[in-house]
Amino acid sequence: MIRVKRNDVMSYECQELQNAANDVDLTLEERDEAAEQLERLADAKDAHAQYIIGTAYRNGGLLIPDTVKARKLLERAAAQEIDAAQYALGKLYLMGEGVQQDTDTAYQWFTKACCGGHTYAGMFMDRIERGEQRPPSVMLATTRLLYHMGNIFRDNAPIPAATGIQIDRKRLQEFQRKRIALGHKPDDHELEPQGYTMQFH
């Protein structure tokens, strides 16, 4: 049975808040504010925000690590069919980090993630099926590296435009910040001169 995921697309608001929380050029206070707003989105049942904040509580860094909050948020995102959250829970239960180690529960989460299209969940399922209970740290390091490399490529990929113009996402954010610094609102669009129209779709 093939399931259609309900939450494939991250909202613009969630994506912008995630970018702000990760932007080292912003002040710590600004990044904290973005994280707080992401938590509000998570409380409002935004599955992607639940996943982002859940991993932030799991990994630490901007937020103080809290495995209980991490598990709850990841479970909420996983219930909304976010395969990355299902995969993260599989790793939490397989390794016993913040939860009691449970290979059967880990396998169930990996199965859901694999059905949802997660690339690496199948590797862990194969290891469990072969009786290799604890994955070697080299395998975890490799999957983390591949995951982060994928994020780097995704974050730096140009945004395709229907007119053939491509704009780098970081450049677009920089442009938006400059417009706001000049006094424009984030959703403010200047009027175009009469007789000349330029549209981007």
Foldseek 3Di string as FASTA:
>chain_A
DADDQPQPDQDPLLVVLVCQLPDPVDDLVSNVVSLVVLVVVLVVLRLVSLQVNLVCLCPPDSHPNDPVSSLVSLVSSVVSLPLVSLQVVLVCQLVVPSHDNDNVSSLVSLVSSVSSPDDCSVVVNVCVVVVNRHDDVVVVVVVVVVVVVVVVCVQQPWDQWPVRDTDGPVVVVVVLVVVVVVPADSPDDDDDDPPDDDDID
